[in-house]
Amino acid sequence: MVEQIRERLQQGLAPEVLEVLDEGHKHAGHANEGKGHFHVRIVSAAFAGQLSIQRHRLIYAALRGLMDNGIHALSIDAKAPGE
């Protein structure tokens, strides 16, 4: 799943920095034993001049289909270059 997330974000947003972490281990004991919990840190020129909600929408659009099939929770740190 980490590779799928990475590929989609690379393709859709051409980031300068991209880190995708599986954080399922932090959620052991939750539904599905924490599977599907991820953190994304991304820096992309596509975010320049965008509000945080707009940045998140761009990420969700790039991950369309995965949000209902494999991703249960996604924390996002999205910045434009220089931020």
N, C-alpha and C. Protein backbone atom coordinates (compact mmCIF):
# COMPACT_ATOMS: atom_id res chain seq x y z
N MET A 1 0.83 -1.19 0.00
CA MET A 1 0.00 0.00 0.00
C MET A 1 0.88 1.26 0.00
N VAL A 2 1.99 1.24 0.74
CA VAL A 2 2.88 2.41 0.77
C VAL A 2 3.35 2.74 -0.64
N GLU A 3 3.72 1.71 -1.41
CA GLU A 3 4.19 1.94 -2.78
C GLU A 3 3.09 2.49 -3.67
N GLN A 4 1.87 2.01 -3.50
CA GLN A 4 0.74 2.52 -4.29
C GLN A 4 0.50 3.99 -3.98
N ILE A 5 0.54 4.35 -2.71
CA ILE A 5 0.35 5.75 -2.31
C ILE A 5 1.45 6.60 -2.92
N ARG A 6 2.69 6.13 -2.78
CA ARG A 6 3.85 6.86 -3.31
C ARG A 6 3.72 7.07 -4.83
N GLU A 7 3.39 6.02 -5.54
CA GLU A 7 3.26 6.12 -7.01
C GLU A 7 2.18 7.11 -7.42
N ARG A 8 1.03 7.04 -6.77
CA ARG A 8 -0.07 7.94 -7.11
C ARG A 8 0.31 9.41 -6.86
N LEU A 9 0.95 9.66 -5.73
CA LEU A 9 1.32 11.04 -5.40
C LEU A 9 2.45 11.54 -6.30
N GLN A 10 3.39 10.68 -6.65
CA GLN A 10 4.45 11.06 -7.58
C GLN A 10 3.84 11.45 -8.92
N GLN A 11 2.95 10.61 -9.40
CA GLN A 11 2.31 10.82 -10.70
C GLN A 11 1.45 12.09 -10.72
N GLY A 12 0.66 12.27 -9.68
CA GLY A 12 -0.31 13.35 -9.67
C GLY A 12 0.22 14.70 -9.24
N LEU A 13 1.28 14.72 -8.41
CA LEU A 13 1.69 16.00 -7.82
C LEU A 13 3.18 16.33 -8.00
N ALA A 14 3.94 15.44 -8.62
CA ALA A 14 5.36 15.67 -8.90
C ALA A 14 6.09 16.33 -7.71
N PRO A 15 6.08 15.68 -6.55
CA PRO A 15 6.66 16.31 -5.37
C PRO A 15 8.18 16.38 -5.40
N GLU A 16 8.70 17.39 -4.71
CA GLU A 16 10.15 17.51 -4.50
C GLU A 16 10.56 16.61 -3.34
N VAL A 17 9.68 16.49 -2.36
CA VAL A 17 9.90 15.64 -1.19
C VAL A 17 8.65 14.80 -1.00
N LEU A 18 8.84 13.52 -0.75
CA LEU A 18 7.69 12.65 -0.49
C LEU A 18 8.11 11.55 0.48
N GLU A 19 7.44 11.50 1.61
CA GLU A 19 7.62 10.43 2.59
C GLU A 19 6.25 9.84 2.87
N VAL A 20 6.17 8.53 2.77
CA VAL A 20 4.94 7.82 3.09
C VAL A 20 5.28 6.79 4.14
N LEU A 21 4.66 6.92 5.31
CA LEU A 21 4.94 6.02 6.42
C LEU A 21 3.70 5.21 6.79
N ASP A 22 3.90 3.93 6.98
CA ASP A 22 2.84 3.05 7.48
C ASP A 22 2.86 3.18 9.00
N GLU A 23 1.81 3.74 9.56
CA GLU A 23 1.73 3.95 11.01
C GLU A 23 0.78 2.98 11.69
N GLY A 24 0.52 1.87 11.05
CA GLY A 24 -0.39 0.88 11.62
C GLY A 24 0.05 0.38 12.98
N HIS A 25 1.36 0.29 13.21
CA HIS A 25 1.86 -0.19 14.49
C HIS A 25 1.45 0.72 15.66
N LYS A 26 1.17 1.99 15.37
CA LYS A 26 0.75 2.93 16.41
C LYS A 26 -0.71 2.73 16.80
N HIS A 27 -1.42 1.93 16.02
CA HIS A 27 -2.86 1.77 16.21
C HIS A 27 -3.25 0.32 16.48
N ALA A 28 -2.32 -0.45 16.99
CA ALA A 28 -2.62 -1.84 17.33
C ALA A 28 -3.79 -1.86 18.32
N GLY A 29 -4.68 -2.77 18.11
CA GLY A 29 -5.86 -2.86 18.97
C GLY A 29 -7.07 -2.15 18.37
N HIS A 30 -6.85 -1.32 17.37
CA HIS A 30 -7.98 -0.68 16.67
C HIS A 30 -8.57 -1.67 15.68
N ALA A 31 -9.63 -1.27 15.04
CA ALA A 31 -10.24 -2.11 14.02
C ALA A 31 -9.19 -2.51 13.00
N ASN A 32 -9.21 -3.75 12.58
CA ASN A 32 -8.24 -4.30 11.62
C ASN A 32 -6.80 -4.21 12.13
N GLU A 33 -6.62 -4.14 13.44
CA GLU A 33 -5.29 -4.08 14.06
C GLU A 33 -4.44 -2.93 13.54
N GLY A 34 -5.09 -1.81 13.22
CA GLY A 34 -4.36 -0.62 12.81
C GLY A 34 -3.99 -0.59 11.35
N LYS A 35 -4.36 -1.60 10.59
CA LYS A 35 -4.02 -1.62 9.17
C LYS A 35 -4.69 -0.45 8.47
N GLY A 36 -3.95 0.14 7.54
CA GLY A 36 -4.51 1.23 6.75
C GLY A 36 -4.26 2.61 7.31
N HIS A 37 -3.41 2.74 8.34
CA HIS A 37 -3.07 4.04 8.92
C HIS A 37 -1.74 4.51 8.32
N PHE A 38 -1.77 5.68 7.67
CA PHE A 38 -0.58 6.19 6.99
C PHE A 38 -0.36 7.67 7.29
N HIS A 39 0.90 8.08 7.16
CA HIS A 39 1.28 9.49 7.26
C HIS A 39 2.02 9.87 5.99
N VAL A 40 1.65 11.02 5.42
CA VAL A 40 2.30 11.53 4.21
C VAL A 40 2.90 12.89 4.52
N ARG A 41 4.17 13.04 4.19
CA ARG A 41 4.84 14.34 4.21
C ARG A 41 5.23 14.62 2.77
N ILE A 42 4.71 15.73 2.23
CA ILE A 42 4.89 16.01 0.82
C ILE A 42 5.15 17.50 0.61
N VAL A 43 6.11 17.79 -0.26
CA VAL A 43 6.41 19.16 -0.67
C VAL A 43 6.27 19.19 -2.18
N SER A 44 5.37 20.03 -2.67
CA SER A 44 5.10 20.08 -4.11
C SER A 44 4.77 21.51 -4.54
N ALA A 45 5.26 21.88 -5.72
CA ALA A 45 4.93 23.18 -6.30
C ALA A 45 3.42 23.30 -6.56
N ALA A 46 2.75 22.17 -6.69
CA ALA A 46 1.29 22.19 -6.91
C ALA A 46 0.55 22.83 -5.75
N PHE A 47 1.20 22.92 -4.59
CA PHE A 47 0.55 23.49 -3.40
C PHE A 47 0.76 24.99 -3.24
N ALA A 48 1.56 25.60 -4.09
CA ALA A 48 1.84 27.03 -3.98
C ALA A 48 0.55 27.83 -4.08
N GLY A 49 0.34 28.70 -3.11
CA GLY A 49 -0.85 29.55 -3.09
C GLY A 49 -2.13 28.84 -2.68
N GLN A 50 -2.04 27.58 -2.28
CA GLN A 50 -3.22 26.80 -1.91
C GLN A 50 -3.41 26.80 -0.39
N LEU A 51 -4.64 26.84 0.04
CA LEU A 51 -4.96 26.65 1.46
C LEU A 51 -4.77 25.18 1.81
N SER A 52 -4.64 24.91 3.09
CA SER A 52 -4.45 23.53 3.56
C SER A 52 -5.56 22.61 3.04
N ILE A 53 -6.79 23.03 3.10
CA ILE A 53 -7.91 22.18 2.64
C ILE A 53 -7.79 21.89 1.15
N GLN A 54 -7.33 22.86 0.38
CA GLN A 54 -7.15 22.65 -1.06
C GLN A 54 -6.02 21.65 -1.33
N ARG A 55 -4.96 21.71 -0.53
CA ARG A 55 -3.85 20.77 -0.65
C ARG A 55 -4.33 19.35 -0.34
N HIS A 56 -5.11 19.22 0.71
CA HIS A 56 -5.63 17.91 1.09
C HIS A 56 -6.54 17.36 -0.01
N ARG A 57 -7.34 18.21 -0.60
CA ARG A 57 -8.22 17.76 -1.70
C ARG A 57 -7.41 17.25 -2.88
N LEU A 58 -6.30 17.91 -3.21
CA LEU A 58 -5.43 17.45 -4.29
C LEU A 58 -4.86 16.07 -3.98
N ILE A 59 -4.48 15.86 -2.73
CA ILE A 59 -3.94 14.57 -2.32
C ILE A 59 -5.02 13.50 -2.39
N TYR A 60 -6.20 13.80 -1.86
CA TYR A 60 -7.29 12.82 -1.92
C TYR A 60 -7.67 12.50 -3.36
N ALA A 61 -7.63 13.47 -4.23
CA ALA A 61 -7.94 13.23 -5.65
C ALA A 61 -6.91 12.28 -6.26
N ALA A 62 -5.64 12.48 -5.91
CA ALA A 62 -4.58 11.60 -6.43
C ALA A 62 -4.73 10.18 -5.89
N LEU A 63 -5.30 10.04 -4.70
CA LEU A 63 -5.45 8.74 -4.05
C LEU A 63 -6.84 8.14 -4.24
N ARG A 64 -7.63 8.73 -5.11
CA ARG A 64 -8.99 8.25 -5.36
C ARG A 64 -8.98 6.74 -5.59
N GLY A 65 -9.89 6.05 -4.97
CA GLY A 65 -9.96 4.60 -5.08
C GLY A 65 -9.23 3.89 -3.95
N LEU A 66 -8.14 4.47 -3.47
CA LEU A 66 -7.41 3.87 -2.36
C LEU A 66 -8.03 4.26 -1.02
N MET A 67 -8.70 5.41 -0.99
CA MET A 67 -9.28 5.89 0.27
C MET A 67 -10.38 4.94 0.75
N ASP A 68 -11.02 4.25 -0.16
CA ASP A 68 -12.08 3.31 0.21
C ASP A 68 -11.57 1.87 0.19
N ASN A 69 -10.31 1.70 -0.21
CA ASN A 69 -9.81 0.35 -0.42
C ASN A 69 -8.35 0.25 0.03
N GLY A 70 -8.14 0.26 1.34
CA GLY A 70 -6.79 0.09 1.86
C GLY A 70 -6.34 1.19 2.80
N ILE A 71 -6.82 2.40 2.59
CA ILE A 71 -6.46 3.50 3.50
C ILE A 71 -7.63 3.73 4.44
N HIS A 72 -7.36 3.54 5.72
CA HIS A 72 -8.39 3.78 6.74
C HIS A 72 -8.23 5.18 7.33
N ALA A 73 -6.97 5.59 7.54
CA ALA A 73 -6.68 6.91 8.12
C ALA A 73 -5.42 7.46 7.46
N LEU A 74 -5.44 8.75 7.17
CA LEU A 74 -4.32 9.39 6.50
C LEU A 74 -4.04 10.72 7.18
N SER A 75 -2.85 10.87 7.75
CA SER A 75 -2.45 12.18 8.28
C SER A 75 -1.54 12.80 7.22
N ILE A 76 -1.67 14.11 7.05
CA ILE A 76 -1.01 14.79 5.94
C ILE A 76 -0.26 16.02 6.43
N ASP A 77 0.98 16.13 5.96
CA ASP A 77 1.80 17.33 6.13
C ASP A 77 2.17 17.77 4.72
N ALA A 78 1.44 18.75 4.18
CA ALA A 78 1.61 19.18 2.80
C ALA A 78 2.08 20.62 2.75
N LYS A 79 3.19 20.83 2.07
CA LYS A 79 3.77 22.18 1.97
C LYS A 79 4.20 22.47 0.54
N ALA A 80 4.29 23.75 0.24
CA ALA A 80 4.86 24.20 -1.03
C ALA A 80 6.36 24.40 -0.81
N PRO A 81 7.17 24.36 -1.85
CA PRO A 81 8.60 24.59 -1.68
C PRO A 81 8.87 25.92 -0.97
N GLY A 82 9.80 25.91 -0.06
CA GLY A 82 10.15 27.11 0.67
C GLY A 82 9.36 27.32 1.96
N GLU A 83 8.36 26.51 2.20
CA GLU A 83 7.57 26.65 3.43
C GLU A 83 8.18 25.83 4.56
